[in-house]
Each structure stands twice: as C-alpha cells, then as structure tokens.
Amino acid sequence: MSLPKRSLLALVAMTLSGATHPPLTGEWGGDRARLILSATGGTLERDCGSGTIKGPLRLDAHHGFKAKGTFETYAPGPTPADAPPRLQPTLYSGTVNGDAMMLTVKVKGTAEPMTLHLVRGKRIKVIRCF
C-alpha cells in the first residue's frame, strides 16, 4: 500500500474513533449545577442530586456528545449514613459552542430530562436541597 493511501486510512480511522478531538475537561457551572470533567470521565453536582459520567466526553463533528453514566436524586432532609445509593442509569448528551454547553441529563425512569446551560470556567457553590 502506498504512503498516501496509508496516511488517508490513518486519518479516517482517527476521525471515526474521535481521536481528532481531545476530551472535554475542566469545570463548567450554571443552572444550580457544577460539572467537573477530566480525560477519564466526570461528575455532576446539583442541588438535589449528583451523577457520574463514565468515560471521556469527546465532541463529534457537530460539536455534540453522548455518554452513559449514573445519577442519584436526593430527598430533602437527613439521610441515614448506611442508606445505599439510589443510582439510576443515565444518558448525558449535549452540545458545546465555544465556552457554552447545553447539557441534557436523561435519568432512566423519569419522564422529563434535565436541560442545563453551563459555562466553562464558571465556578458556583452548590447548595444541597432542604
């Protein structure tokens, strides 16, 4: 195989695997939520819940992303220390435009997804539900 064909095949393989886009990282805040992303996954904190994103978030050609994870909704008031977590399978999806992210969180078993508008670098303090 000639060098140009191998180069083209390598470029196509990198594009299909998402290797051309580094994972989204950093702190994103807004809508009473804080999202912290690393190259290996992320955590979402809300006033009445929290979630985990499994694996890196990589943008596709349309600046969108999808990832699986879990989310737990908190109830108001104290919770026994030995209460098991109520983690639900969750689909995280969204788009990024510059430093703005629209994040949709669809928790299995819930009728309506959460839609959050977050900004890269915006730091917020999450106040837990009462």
N, C-alpha and C. Protein backbone atom coordinates (compact mmCIF):
# COMPACT_ATOMS: atom_id res chain seq x y z
N MET A 1 0.86 -1.17 0.00
CA MET A 1 0.00 0.00 0.00
C MET A 1 0.90 1.23 0.00
N SER A 2 0.54 2.20 -0.80
CA SER A 2 1.38 3.40 -0.91
C SER A 2 1.20 4.29 0.32
N LEU A 3 2.18 5.17 0.53
CA LEU A 3 2.18 6.06 1.68
C LEU A 3 0.94 6.96 1.71
N PRO A 4 0.52 7.59 0.59
CA PRO A 4 -0.68 8.44 0.66
C PRO A 4 -1.93 7.66 1.07
N LYS A 5 -2.08 6.40 0.61
CA LYS A 5 -3.26 5.62 0.99
C LYS A 5 -3.22 5.28 2.47
N ARG A 6 -2.03 4.92 2.98
CA ARG A 6 -1.92 4.63 4.41
C ARG A 6 -2.21 5.86 5.24
N SER A 7 -1.74 7.02 4.81
CA SER A 7 -2.00 8.26 5.54
C SER A 7 -3.49 8.57 5.56
N LEU A 8 -4.14 8.39 4.44
CA LEU A 8 -5.57 8.64 4.34
C LEU A 8 -6.34 7.67 5.24
N LEU A 9 -5.97 6.40 5.23
CA LEU A 9 -6.63 5.42 6.09
C LEU A 9 -6.43 5.75 7.57
N ALA A 10 -5.23 6.19 7.94
CA ALA A 10 -4.96 6.56 9.33
C ALA A 10 -5.81 7.76 9.73
N LEU A 11 -5.94 8.74 8.85
CA LEU A 11 -6.75 9.92 9.13
C LEU A 11 -8.22 9.54 9.30
N VAL A 12 -8.74 8.68 8.43
CA VAL A 12 -10.12 8.23 8.54
C VAL A 12 -10.33 7.48 9.85
N ALA A 13 -9.40 6.60 10.21
CA ALA A 13 -9.51 5.83 11.45
C ALA A 13 -9.52 6.75 12.66
N MET A 14 -8.66 7.78 12.67
CA MET A 14 -8.62 8.72 13.78
C MET A 14 -9.92 9.51 13.87
N THR A 15 -10.47 9.89 12.73
CA THR A 15 -11.71 10.65 12.71
C THR A 15 -12.85 9.81 13.24
N LEU A 16 -12.94 8.56 12.80
CA LEU A 16 -14.02 7.69 13.24
C LEU A 16 -13.91 7.34 14.72
N SER A 17 -12.72 7.27 15.25
CA SER A 17 -12.54 6.91 16.65
C SER A 17 -12.68 8.11 17.58
N GLY A 18 -12.77 9.31 17.03
CA GLY A 18 -12.87 10.50 17.85
C GLY A 18 -11.53 11.01 18.32
N ALA A 19 -10.44 10.42 17.83
CA ALA A 19 -9.11 10.79 18.30
C ALA A 19 -8.72 12.20 17.88
N THR A 20 -9.41 12.79 16.92
CA THR A 20 -9.05 14.13 16.49
C THR A 20 -9.54 15.19 17.48
N HIS A 21 -10.49 14.85 18.34
CA HIS A 21 -10.99 15.79 19.32
C HIS A 21 -10.54 15.34 20.71
N PRO A 22 -9.78 16.17 21.40
CA PRO A 22 -9.40 15.79 22.77
C PRO A 22 -10.65 15.79 23.65
N PRO A 23 -10.62 15.07 24.75
CA PRO A 23 -11.78 15.07 25.63
C PRO A 23 -12.01 16.44 26.25
N LEU A 24 -13.28 16.75 26.50
CA LEU A 24 -13.62 17.98 27.21
C LEU A 24 -13.15 17.85 28.65
N THR A 25 -12.57 18.89 29.18
CA THR A 25 -12.09 18.87 30.56
C THR A 25 -12.43 20.21 31.22
N GLY A 26 -12.24 20.25 32.52
CA GLY A 26 -12.40 21.49 33.26
C GLY A 26 -13.69 21.56 34.03
N GLU A 27 -13.88 22.71 34.65
CA GLU A 27 -15.08 22.96 35.46
C GLU A 27 -16.07 23.79 34.66
N TRP A 28 -17.31 23.39 34.69
CA TRP A 28 -18.41 24.06 33.99
C TRP A 28 -19.48 24.34 35.03
N GLY A 29 -20.06 25.53 35.04
CA GLY A 29 -21.05 25.85 36.05
C GLY A 29 -22.21 26.65 35.52
N GLY A 30 -23.33 26.58 36.24
CA GLY A 30 -24.54 27.32 35.90
C GLY A 30 -25.77 26.51 36.26
N ASP A 31 -26.96 27.12 36.19
CA ASP A 31 -28.23 26.42 36.45
C ASP A 31 -28.20 25.58 37.72
N ARG A 32 -27.64 26.12 38.79
CA ARG A 32 -27.56 25.40 40.06
C ARG A 32 -26.87 24.04 39.89
N ALA A 33 -25.84 24.01 39.04
CA ALA A 33 -25.13 22.76 38.77
C ALA A 33 -23.65 23.04 38.52
N ARG A 34 -22.83 22.05 38.88
CA ARG A 34 -21.39 22.11 38.61
C ARG A 34 -20.99 20.79 37.97
N LEU A 35 -20.33 20.89 36.83
CA LEU A 35 -19.84 19.73 36.09
C LEU A 35 -18.32 19.80 36.07
N ILE A 36 -17.68 18.74 36.54
CA ILE A 36 -16.22 18.67 36.52
C ILE A 36 -15.83 17.51 35.63
N LEU A 37 -15.10 17.83 34.55
CA LEU A 37 -14.71 16.83 33.56
C LEU A 37 -13.20 16.62 33.56
N SER A 38 -12.81 15.37 33.42
CA SER A 38 -11.40 15.03 33.25
C SER A 38 -11.29 14.19 31.98
N ALA A 39 -10.08 13.80 31.64
CA ALA A 39 -9.87 12.99 30.45
C ALA A 39 -10.46 11.59 30.60
N THR A 40 -10.88 11.21 31.80
CA THR A 40 -11.41 9.86 32.02
C THR A 40 -12.89 9.82 32.39
N GLY A 41 -13.54 10.95 32.55
CA GLY A 41 -14.96 10.98 32.91
C GLY A 41 -15.33 12.27 33.60
N GLY A 42 -16.41 12.23 34.38
CA GLY A 42 -16.81 13.45 35.03
C GLY A 42 -17.81 13.24 36.15
N THR A 43 -18.05 14.32 36.89
CA THR A 43 -19.04 14.32 37.95
C THR A 43 -19.92 15.55 37.80
N LEU A 44 -21.20 15.36 38.07
CA LEU A 44 -22.18 16.44 38.03
C LEU A 44 -22.76 16.58 39.42
N GLU A 45 -22.75 17.79 39.94
CA GLU A 45 -23.36 18.09 41.24
C GLU A 45 -24.51 19.05 41.01
N ARG A 46 -25.66 18.69 41.57
CA ARG A 46 -26.85 19.55 41.53
C ARG A 46 -27.29 19.79 42.96
N ASP A 47 -28.23 20.71 43.13
CA ASP A 47 -28.72 20.97 44.47
C ASP A 47 -29.40 19.75 45.07
N CYS A 48 -30.10 18.97 44.30
CA CYS A 48 -30.81 17.79 44.82
C CYS A 48 -30.42 16.51 44.09
N GLY A 49 -29.14 16.37 43.75
CA GLY A 49 -28.70 15.14 43.12
C GLY A 49 -27.26 15.25 42.64
N SER A 50 -26.72 14.10 42.27
CA SER A 50 -25.37 14.09 41.70
C SER A 50 -25.25 12.91 40.74
N GLY A 51 -24.28 13.01 39.85
CA GLY A 51 -24.11 11.96 38.86
C GLY A 51 -22.66 11.77 38.47
N THR A 52 -22.44 10.67 37.78
CA THR A 52 -21.11 10.32 37.30
C THR A 52 -21.20 10.00 35.81
N ILE A 53 -20.25 10.53 35.06
CA ILE A 53 -20.14 10.24 33.62
C ILE A 53 -19.00 9.25 33.45
N LYS A 54 -19.30 8.15 32.78
CA LYS A 54 -18.31 7.10 32.58
C LYS A 54 -17.59 7.35 31.26
N GLY A 55 -16.32 7.57 31.32
CA GLY A 55 -15.53 7.79 30.12
C GLY A 55 -15.45 9.24 29.73
N PRO A 56 -14.50 9.55 28.84
CA PRO A 56 -14.31 10.94 28.42
C PRO A 56 -15.43 11.44 27.53
N LEU A 57 -15.69 12.75 27.59
CA LEU A 57 -16.63 13.38 26.67
C LEU A 57 -15.84 13.93 25.49
N ARG A 58 -16.15 13.43 24.31
CA ARG A 58 -15.49 13.90 23.09
C ARG A 58 -16.54 14.47 22.15
N LEU A 59 -16.23 15.62 21.59
CA LEU A 59 -17.16 16.25 20.64
C LEU A 59 -17.11 15.54 19.30
N ASP A 60 -18.28 15.43 18.68
CA ASP A 60 -18.33 14.90 17.32
C ASP A 60 -18.19 16.06 16.33
N ALA A 61 -18.38 15.78 15.06
CA ALA A 61 -18.21 16.80 14.02
C ALA A 61 -19.22 17.95 14.16
N HIS A 62 -20.31 17.73 14.89
CA HIS A 62 -21.35 18.75 15.05
C HIS A 62 -21.29 19.39 16.44
N HIS A 63 -20.15 19.23 17.13
CA HIS A 63 -19.92 19.79 18.46
C HIS A 63 -20.85 19.19 19.52
N GLY A 64 -21.30 17.97 19.27
CA GLY A 64 -22.17 17.28 20.22
C GLY A 64 -21.45 16.13 20.90
N PHE A 65 -22.08 15.59 21.93
CA PHE A 65 -21.51 14.45 22.64
C PHE A 65 -22.62 13.63 23.27
N LYS A 66 -22.31 12.37 23.58
CA LYS A 66 -23.20 11.47 24.31
C LYS A 66 -22.32 10.59 25.18
N ALA A 67 -22.78 10.32 26.39
CA ALA A 67 -22.06 9.42 27.30
C ALA A 67 -23.03 8.80 28.28
N LYS A 68 -22.69 7.61 28.73
CA LYS A 68 -23.51 6.93 29.73
C LYS A 68 -22.93 7.19 31.12
N GLY A 69 -23.78 7.02 32.09
CA GLY A 69 -23.34 7.18 33.47
C GLY A 69 -24.47 6.85 34.42
N THR A 70 -24.42 7.45 35.60
CA THR A 70 -25.45 7.26 36.62
C THR A 70 -25.82 8.60 37.22
N PHE A 71 -26.97 8.62 37.89
CA PHE A 71 -27.42 9.82 38.60
C PHE A 71 -28.23 9.37 39.80
N GLU A 72 -28.09 10.11 40.90
CA GLU A 72 -28.87 9.85 42.10
C GLU A 72 -29.57 11.13 42.51
N THR A 73 -30.89 11.04 42.68
CA THR A 73 -31.67 12.18 43.15
C THR A 73 -31.75 12.11 44.67
N TYR A 74 -31.50 13.25 45.32
CA TYR A 74 -31.54 13.31 46.78
C TYR A 74 -32.92 13.76 47.25
N ALA A 75 -33.30 13.27 48.43
CA ALA A 75 -34.54 13.70 49.07
C ALA A 75 -34.20 14.78 50.09
N PRO A 76 -35.14 15.68 50.36
CA PRO A 76 -34.87 16.69 51.39
C PRO A 76 -34.69 16.05 52.76
N GLY A 77 -33.96 16.72 53.61
CA GLY A 77 -33.78 16.26 54.98
C GLY A 77 -32.63 15.29 55.12
N PRO A 78 -32.39 14.84 56.33
CA PRO A 78 -31.28 13.93 56.58
C PRO A 78 -31.51 12.55 55.97
N THR A 79 -30.41 11.91 55.63
CA THR A 79 -30.43 10.56 55.08
C THR A 79 -29.54 9.69 55.97
N PRO A 80 -30.01 8.50 56.33
CA PRO A 80 -29.17 7.63 57.15
C PRO A 80 -27.83 7.35 56.47
N ALA A 81 -26.78 7.34 57.25
CA ALA A 81 -25.43 7.15 56.72
C ALA A 81 -25.27 5.79 56.03
N ASP A 82 -26.04 4.79 56.46
CA ASP A 82 -25.90 3.46 55.87
C ASP A 82 -26.91 3.20 54.75
N ALA A 83 -27.66 4.22 54.34
CA ALA A 83 -28.61 4.05 53.24
C ALA A 83 -27.85 3.84 51.94
N PRO A 84 -28.20 2.80 51.17
CA PRO A 84 -27.49 2.56 49.91
C PRO A 84 -27.84 3.65 48.89
N PRO A 85 -26.89 3.98 48.02
CA PRO A 85 -27.19 4.97 46.98
C PRO A 85 -28.28 4.45 46.03
N ARG A 86 -29.06 5.37 45.50
CA ARG A 86 -30.12 5.02 44.54
C ARG A 86 -29.69 5.48 43.15
N LEU A 87 -28.63 4.89 42.66
CA LEU A 87 -28.08 5.26 41.35
C LEU A 87 -28.96 4.73 40.23
N GLN A 88 -29.25 5.61 39.27
CA GLN A 88 -30.05 5.23 38.11
C GLN A 88 -29.22 5.38 36.85
N PRO A 89 -29.33 4.43 35.90
CA PRO A 89 -28.63 4.60 34.62
C PRO A 89 -29.07 5.91 33.97
N THR A 90 -28.11 6.61 33.39
CA THR A 90 -28.37 7.95 32.87
C THR A 90 -27.64 8.17 31.56
N LEU A 91 -28.29 8.88 30.63
CA LEU A 91 -27.65 9.29 29.38
C LEU A 91 -27.38 10.78 29.46
N TYR A 92 -26.12 11.15 29.30
CA TYR A 92 -25.70 12.55 29.25
C TYR A 92 -25.44 12.90 27.79
N SER A 93 -26.04 13.97 27.31
CA SER A 93 -25.81 14.40 25.93
C SER A 93 -25.83 15.91 25.88
N GLY A 94 -25.32 16.45 24.80
CA GLY A 94 -25.35 17.90 24.69
C GLY A 94 -24.50 18.43 23.56
N THR A 95 -24.34 19.74 23.57
CA THR A 95 -23.54 20.43 22.57
C THR A 95 -22.69 21.49 23.26
N VAL A 96 -21.59 21.82 22.60
CA VAL A 96 -20.70 22.87 23.09
C VAL A 96 -20.51 23.89 21.98
N ASN A 97 -20.65 25.16 22.34
CA ASN A 97 -20.42 26.25 21.41
C ASN A 97 -19.49 27.23 22.11
N GLY A 98 -18.20 27.16 21.80
CA GLY A 98 -17.22 27.99 22.50
C GLY A 98 -17.11 27.56 23.94
N ASP A 99 -17.41 28.47 24.87
CA ASP A 99 -17.37 28.16 26.30
C ASP A 99 -18.75 27.87 26.87
N ALA A 100 -19.75 27.70 26.03
CA ALA A 100 -21.11 27.42 26.47
C ALA A 100 -21.48 25.97 26.16
N MET A 101 -22.09 25.33 27.15
CA MET A 101 -22.52 23.95 26.98
C MET A 101 -24.00 23.84 27.31
N MET A 102 -24.74 23.13 26.48
CA MET A 102 -26.10 22.75 26.80
C MET A 102 -26.05 21.26 27.10
N LEU A 103 -26.31 20.88 28.34
CA LEU A 103 -26.22 19.50 28.80
C LEU A 103 -27.61 18.97 29.09
N THR A 104 -27.95 17.83 28.50
CA THR A 104 -29.21 17.16 28.77
C THR A 104 -28.91 15.90 29.56
N VAL A 105 -29.62 15.73 30.67
CA VAL A 105 -29.42 14.59 31.56
C VAL A 105 -30.73 13.81 31.58
N LYS A 106 -30.73 12.61 30.99
CA LYS A 106 -31.93 11.77 30.93
C LYS A 106 -31.73 10.58 31.85
N VAL A 107 -32.39 10.64 33.01
CA VAL A 107 -32.31 9.58 34.01
C VAL A 107 -33.37 8.53 33.68
N LYS A 108 -32.95 7.27 33.63
CA LYS A 108 -33.88 6.19 33.33
C LYS A 108 -35.03 6.19 34.32
N GLY A 109 -36.24 6.09 33.79
CA GLY A 109 -37.42 6.06 34.65
C GLY A 109 -38.05 7.41 34.92
N THR A 110 -37.44 8.48 34.44
CA THR A 110 -38.03 9.80 34.61
C THR A 110 -38.65 10.25 33.30
N ALA A 111 -39.73 11.01 33.39
CA ALA A 111 -40.44 11.44 32.19
C ALA A 111 -39.70 12.54 31.44
N GLU A 112 -39.19 13.50 32.18
CA GLU A 112 -38.57 14.67 31.54
C GLU A 112 -37.07 14.72 31.82
N PRO A 113 -36.27 14.96 30.79
CA PRO A 113 -34.83 15.14 31.03
C PRO A 113 -34.55 16.52 31.63
N MET A 114 -33.42 16.63 32.31
CA MET A 114 -32.95 17.93 32.80
C MET A 114 -32.13 18.56 31.69
N THR A 115 -32.34 19.81 31.43
CA THR A 115 -31.52 20.55 30.48
C THR A 115 -30.82 21.66 31.25
N LEU A 116 -29.49 21.64 31.18
CA LEU A 116 -28.68 22.59 31.92
C LEU A 116 -27.86 23.44 30.95
N HIS A 117 -27.74 24.71 31.25
CA HIS A 117 -26.91 25.63 30.47
C HIS A 117 -25.70 25.96 31.34
N LEU A 118 -24.52 25.51 30.90
CA LEU A 118 -23.30 25.65 31.68
C LEU A 118 -22.27 26.48 30.93
N VAL A 119 -21.34 27.07 31.68
CA VAL A 119 -20.29 27.90 31.11
C VAL A 119 -18.95 27.38 31.61
N ARG A 120 -18.00 27.20 30.68
CA ARG A 120 -16.66 26.72 31.04
C ARG A 120 -15.99 27.75 31.96
N GLY A 121 -15.43 27.25 33.05
CA GLY A 121 -14.70 28.11 33.97
C GLY A 121 -15.56 28.83 34.99
N LYS A 122 -16.89 28.74 34.87
CA LYS A 122 -17.77 29.40 35.83
C LYS A 122 -17.83 28.54 37.09
N ARG A 123 -17.42 29.12 38.20
CA ARG A 123 -17.42 28.39 39.47
C ARG A 123 -18.66 28.77 40.25
N ILE A 124 -19.34 27.78 40.76
CA ILE A 124 -20.52 28.03 41.57
C ILE A 124 -20.44 27.20 42.85
N LYS A 125 -21.22 27.59 43.81
CA LYS A 125 -21.33 26.83 45.06
C LYS A 125 -22.67 26.13 45.02
N VAL A 126 -22.67 24.81 45.13
CA VAL A 126 -23.89 24.03 45.11
C VAL A 126 -24.46 23.96 46.53
N ILE A 127 -25.69 24.44 46.70
CA ILE A 127 -26.38 24.38 47.98
C ILE A 127 -27.32 23.17 47.91
N ARG A 128 -27.11 22.21 48.77
CA ARG A 128 -27.92 20.99 48.76
C ARG A 128 -29.37 21.27 49.10
N CYS A 129 -30.26 20.42 48.60
CA CYS A 129 -31.70 20.62 48.81
C CYS A 129 -32.05 20.49 50.28
N PHE A 130 -33.09 21.20 50.66
CA PHE A 130 -33.51 21.23 52.06
C PHE A 130 -34.67 20.28 52.28
